[in-house]
């Protein structure tokens, strides 16, 4: 499924139809340039992608908790993501967070420690894209290195 430029229409009928597939939709890209934040939250709360979800949320987008069951998740324009959102991705095996400059070095340290400790037992790949200067020692503090 590729959703883009559907303006601020009511997406409930589309989501009900998509959720009706016996094995779910395996790959989805949801882009929110023309979708209101209200409709995007509704969409995210009711739609379940079974494998790969690529998501773009426009400025001002917020959602808590993050009700995703996709196993492969990539979030572009991640300004709305929080550490708590990342730490609740219990179904995710592969995770890419782009443009995550709003996370502090301590936030990344917290996320890495939780992944290493097994708090997200299914996650085997995490790509956290900083796109800013960072302190490697702060991010890796108190994490055993091989």
C-alpha atoms as a PDB file:
ATOM      1  CA  UNK A   1       0.000   0.000   0.000  1.00  0.00           C
ATOM      2  CA  UNK A   2       1.233   3.495  -0.782  1.00  0.00           C
ATOM      3  CA  UNK A   3      -0.770   6.326   0.734  1.00  0.00           C
ATOM      4  CA  UNK A   4       0.022   9.880  -0.301  1.00  0.00           C
ATOM      5  CA  UNK A   5      -1.821  12.991  -1.387  1.00  0.00           C
ATOM      6  CA  UNK A   6      -5.243  11.713  -0.390  1.00  0.00           C
ATOM      7  CA  UNK A   7      -5.889  15.054   1.278  1.00  0.00           C
ATOM      8  CA  UNK A   8      -7.889  15.238   4.475  1.00  0.00           C
ATOM      9  CA  UNK A   9     -10.455  12.622   3.599  1.00  0.00           C
ATOM     10  CA  UNK A  10     -11.848  10.095   6.027  1.00  0.00           C
ATOM     11  CA  UNK A  11      -9.590   7.044   5.678  1.00  0.00           C
ATOM     12  CA  UNK A  12     -11.670   4.671   7.827  1.00  0.00           C
ATOM     13  CA  UNK A  13     -13.212   2.808   4.892  1.00  0.00           C
ATOM     14  CA  UNK A  14      -9.779   2.334   3.297  1.00  0.00           C
ATOM     15  CA  UNK A  15      -8.269   1.078   6.569  1.00  0.00           C
ATOM     16  CA  UNK A  16     -11.174  -1.314   7.194  1.00  0.00           C
ATOM     17  CA  UNK A  17     -10.700  -2.708   3.704  1.00  0.00           C
ATOM     18  CA  UNK A  18      -6.911  -3.081   4.164  1.00  0.00           C
ATOM     19  CA  UNK A  19      -7.300  -4.707   7.579  1.00  0.00           C
ATOM     20  CA  UNK A  20      -9.689  -7.220   5.968  1.00  0.00           C
ATOM     21  CA  UNK A  21      -6.912  -9.037   4.091  1.00  0.00           C
ATOM     22  CA  UNK A  22      -6.384 -12.433   5.795  1.00  0.00           C
ATOM     23  CA  UNK A  23      -2.590 -12.047   6.080  1.00  0.00           C
ATOM     24  CA  UNK A  24      -2.544  -8.252   6.228  1.00  0.00           C
ATOM     25  CA  UNK A  25      -0.682  -5.926   3.916  1.00  0.00           C
ATOM     26  CA  UNK A  26       3.013  -6.746   3.973  1.00  0.00           C
ATOM     27  CA  UNK A  27       4.515  -3.435   2.795  1.00  0.00           C
ATOM     28  CA  UNK A  28       3.172   0.057   3.368  1.00  0.00           C
ATOM     29  CA  UNK A  29       4.440   3.586   2.891  1.00  0.00           C
ATOM     30  CA  UNK A  30       2.391   6.240   4.637  1.00  0.00           C
ATOM     31  CA  UNK A  31       3.207   9.837   3.803  1.00  0.00           C
ATOM     32  CA  UNK A  32       1.457  12.701   5.486  1.00  0.00           C
ATOM     33  CA  UNK A  33       2.018  15.856   3.450  1.00  0.00           C
ATOM     34  CA  UNK A  34      -1.657  16.151   2.558  1.00  0.00           C
ATOM     35  CA  UNK A  35      -3.079  14.077   5.411  1.00  0.00           C
ATOM     36  CA  UNK A  36      -4.052  15.959   8.560  1.00  0.00           C
ATOM     37  CA  UNK A  37      -2.353  14.986  11.809  1.00  0.00           C
ATOM     38  CA  UNK A  38      -5.755  13.963  13.201  1.00  0.00           C
ATOM     39  CA  UNK A  39      -6.381  11.572  10.292  1.00  0.00           C
ATOM     40  CA  UNK A  40      -2.787  10.295  10.506  1.00  0.00           C
ATOM     41  CA  UNK A  41      -3.192   9.448  14.214  1.00  0.00           C
ATOM     42  CA  UNK A  42      -6.479   7.670  13.459  1.00  0.00           C
ATOM     43  CA  UNK A  43      -4.818   5.788  10.618  1.00  0.00           C
ATOM     44  CA  UNK A  44      -1.845   4.737  12.765  1.00  0.00           C
ATOM     45  CA  UNK A  45      -4.099   3.590  15.615  1.00  0.00           C
ATOM     46  CA  UNK A  46      -6.267   1.338  13.464  1.00  0.00           C
ATOM     47  CA  UNK A  47      -4.079   0.100  10.588  1.00  0.00           C
ATOM     48  CA  UNK A  48      -1.734  -2.824  11.121  1.00  0.00           C
ATOM     49  CA  UNK A  49       0.957  -3.519   8.549  1.00  0.00           C
ATOM     50  CA  UNK A  50       2.289  -7.057   8.984  1.00  0.00           C
ATOM     51  CA  UNK A  51       5.882  -6.625   7.805  1.00  0.00           C
ATOM     52  CA  UNK A  52       7.374  -3.418   6.414  1.00  0.00           C
ATOM     53  CA  UNK A  53       6.127   0.066   7.247  1.00  0.00           C
ATOM     54  CA  UNK A  54       7.740   3.277   5.998  1.00  0.00           C
ATOM     55  CA  UNK A  55       6.238   6.330   7.636  1.00  0.00           C
ATOM     56  CA  UNK A  56       6.503  10.089   7.174  1.00  0.00           C
ATOM     57  CA  UNK A  57       4.809  12.332   9.718  1.00  0.00           C
ATOM     58  CA  UNK A  58       4.482  16.042   9.080  1.00  0.00           C
ATOM     59  CA  UNK A  59       5.522  18.694  11.619  1.00  0.00           C
ATOM     60  CA  UNK A  60       3.288  18.754  14.657  1.00  0.00           C
ATOM     61  CA  UNK A  61       2.449  15.043  14.459  1.00  0.00           C
ATOM     62  CA  UNK A  62       2.249  13.309  17.863  1.00  0.00           C
ATOM     63  CA  UNK A  63       1.001   9.876  18.885  1.00  0.00           C
ATOM     64  CA  UNK A  64       1.267   7.936  22.132  1.00  0.00           C
ATOM     65  CA  UNK A  65       1.392   5.057  22.510  1.00  0.00           C
ATOM     66  CA  UNK A  66       2.772   3.974  19.156  1.00  0.00           C
ATOM     67  CA  UNK A  67       0.485   1.059  18.133  1.00  0.00           C
ATOM     68  CA  UNK A  68       2.594  -0.587  15.444  1.00  0.00           C
ATOM     69  CA  UNK A  69       2.984  -4.279  14.770  1.00  0.00           C
ATOM     70  CA  UNK A  70       5.210  -4.103  11.683  1.00  0.00           C
ATOM     71  CA  UNK A  71       8.418  -6.120  11.958  1.00  0.00           C
ATOM     72  CA  UNK A  72      10.448  -3.810   9.699  1.00  0.00           C
ATOM     73  CA  UNK A  73       9.969  -0.137  10.518  1.00  0.00           C
ATOM     74  CA  UNK A  74      11.494   2.971   8.979  1.00  0.00           C
ATOM     75  CA  UNK A  75      10.412   6.403  10.142  1.00  0.00           C
ATOM     76  CA  UNK A  76      11.422   9.449   8.121  1.00  0.00           C
ATOM     77  CA  UNK A  77      11.101  12.924   9.630  1.00  0.00           C
ATOM     78  CA  UNK A  78      11.155  11.518  13.131  1.00  0.00           C
ATOM     79  CA  UNK A  79      10.712  14.842  14.964  1.00  0.00           C
ATOM     80  CA  UNK A  80       7.680  13.433  16.788  1.00  0.00           C
ATOM     81  CA  UNK A  81       9.338  10.235  18.060  1.00  0.00           C
ATOM     82  CA  UNK A  82      10.263   9.946  21.722  1.00  0.00           C
ATOM     83  CA  UNK A  83      12.500   7.541  23.608  1.00  0.00           C
ATOM     84  CA  UNK A  84       9.327   5.991  25.042  1.00  0.00           C
ATOM     85  CA  UNK A  85       8.025   5.410  21.472  1.00  0.00           C
ATOM     86  CA  UNK A  86      11.228   3.607  20.500  1.00  0.00           C
ATOM     87  CA  UNK A  87      11.207   1.464  23.643  1.00  0.00           C
ATOM     88  CA  UNK A  88       7.690   0.177  22.932  1.00  0.00           C
ATOM     89  CA  UNK A  89       8.533  -1.303  19.517  1.00  0.00           C
ATOM     90  CA  UNK A  90       8.229  -4.866  20.798  1.00  0.00           C
ATOM     91  CA  UNK A  91       7.371  -6.438  17.421  1.00  0.00           C
ATOM     92  CA  UNK A  92      10.089  -4.699  15.414  1.00  0.00           C
ATOM     93  CA  UNK A  93      13.010  -6.758  14.120  1.00  0.00           C
ATOM     94  CA  UNK A  94      14.636  -4.057  11.950  1.00  0.00           C
ATOM     95  CA  UNK A  95      14.325  -0.381  12.773  1.00  0.00           C
ATOM     96  CA  UNK A  96      15.595   2.736  11.020  1.00  0.00           C
ATOM     97  CA  UNK A  97      15.002   6.157  12.503  1.00  0.00           C
ATOM     98  CA  UNK A  98      16.017   8.895  10.089  1.00  0.00           C
ATOM     99  CA  UNK A  99      16.779  12.496  10.923  1.00  0.00           C
ATOM    100  CA  UNK A 100      16.805  11.804  14.669  1.00  0.00           C
ATOM    101  CA  UNK A 101      18.725  14.938  15.615  1.00  0.00           C
ATOM    102  CA  UNK A 102      16.292  15.829  18.405  1.00  0.00           C
ATOM    103  CA  UNK A 103      17.435  12.827  20.460  1.00  0.00           C
ATOM    104  CA  UNK A 104      20.259  13.624  22.863  1.00  0.00           C
ATOM    105  CA  UNK A 105      23.367  11.499  23.263  1.00  0.00           C
ATOM    106  CA  UNK A 106      21.900  10.288  26.571  1.00  0.00           C
ATOM    107  CA  UNK A 107      18.670   9.312  24.752  1.00  0.00           C
ATOM    108  CA  UNK A 108      20.683   7.180  22.313  1.00  0.00           C
ATOM    109  CA  UNK A 109      22.601   5.637  25.218  1.00  0.00           C
ATOM    110  CA  UNK A 110      19.303   4.732  26.896  1.00  0.00           C
ATOM    111  CA  UNK A 111      17.915   3.195  23.700  1.00  0.00           C
ATOM    112  CA  UNK A 112      21.079   1.177  23.021  1.00  0.00           C
ATOM    113  CA  UNK A 113      21.240  -0.115  26.603  1.00  0.00           C
ATOM    114  CA  UNK A 114      17.608  -1.228  26.461  1.00  0.00           C
ATOM    115  CA  UNK A 115      18.141  -3.024  23.144  1.00  0.00           C
ATOM    116  CA  UNK A 116      21.300  -4.737  24.437  1.00  0.00           C
ATOM    117  CA  UNK A 117      19.584  -5.722  27.705  1.00  0.00           C
ATOM    118  CA  UNK A 118      16.882  -7.574  25.770  1.00  0.00           C
ATOM    119  CA  UNK A 119      14.040  -5.119  26.434  1.00  0.00           C
ATOM    120  CA  UNK A 120      13.259  -5.363  22.709  1.00  0.00           C
ATOM    121  CA  UNK A 121      13.972  -9.078  22.229  1.00  0.00           C
ATOM    122  CA  UNK A 122      13.033  -9.273  18.550  1.00  0.00           C
ATOM    123  CA  UNK A 123      15.131  -6.295  17.429  1.00  0.00           C
ATOM    124  CA  UNK A 124      18.280  -7.393  15.616  1.00  0.00           C
ATOM    125  CA  UNK A 125      18.929  -4.240  13.569  1.00  0.00           C
ATOM    126  CA  UNK A 126      18.688  -0.627  14.690  1.00  0.00           C
ATOM    127  CA  UNK A 127      19.861   2.275  12.554  1.00  0.00           C
ATOM    128  CA  UNK A 128      19.598   5.599  14.368  1.00  0.00           C
ATOM    129  CA  UNK A 129      20.570   8.412  12.024  1.00  0.00           C
ATOM    130  CA  UNK A 130      21.894  11.397  13.984  1.00  0.00           C
ATOM    131  CA  UNK A 131      22.701  13.990  11.282  1.00  0.00           C
ATOM    132  CA  UNK A 132      24.369  16.195  13.887  1.00  0.00           C
ATOM    133  CA  UNK A 133      27.570  16.304  15.898  1.00  0.00           C
ATOM    134  CA  UNK A 134      27.566  13.843  18.746  1.00  0.00           C
ATOM    135  CA  UNK A 135      29.754  12.578  21.550  1.00  0.00           C
ATOM    136  CA  UNK A 136      30.604   8.919  20.969  1.00  0.00           C
ATOM    137  CA  UNK A 137      31.753   8.510  24.575  1.00  0.00           C
ATOM    138  CA  UNK A 138      28.387   9.729  25.911  1.00  0.00           C
ATOM    139  CA  UNK A 139      26.418   7.483  23.565  1.00  0.00           C
ATOM    140  CA  UNK A 140      28.546   4.432  24.430  1.00  0.00           C
ATOM    141  CA  UNK A 141      28.942   5.178  28.155  1.00  0.00           C
ATOM    142  CA  UNK A 142      28.590   2.081  30.326  1.00  0.00           C
ATOM    143  CA  UNK A 143      28.030  -0.182  27.300  1.00  0.00           C
ATOM    144  CA  UNK A 144      30.448  -3.119  27.090  1.00  0.00           C
ATOM    145  CA  UNK A 145      32.303  -3.113  23.788  1.00  0.00           C
ATOM    146  CA  UNK A 146      33.493  -6.268  22.067  1.00  0.00           C
END
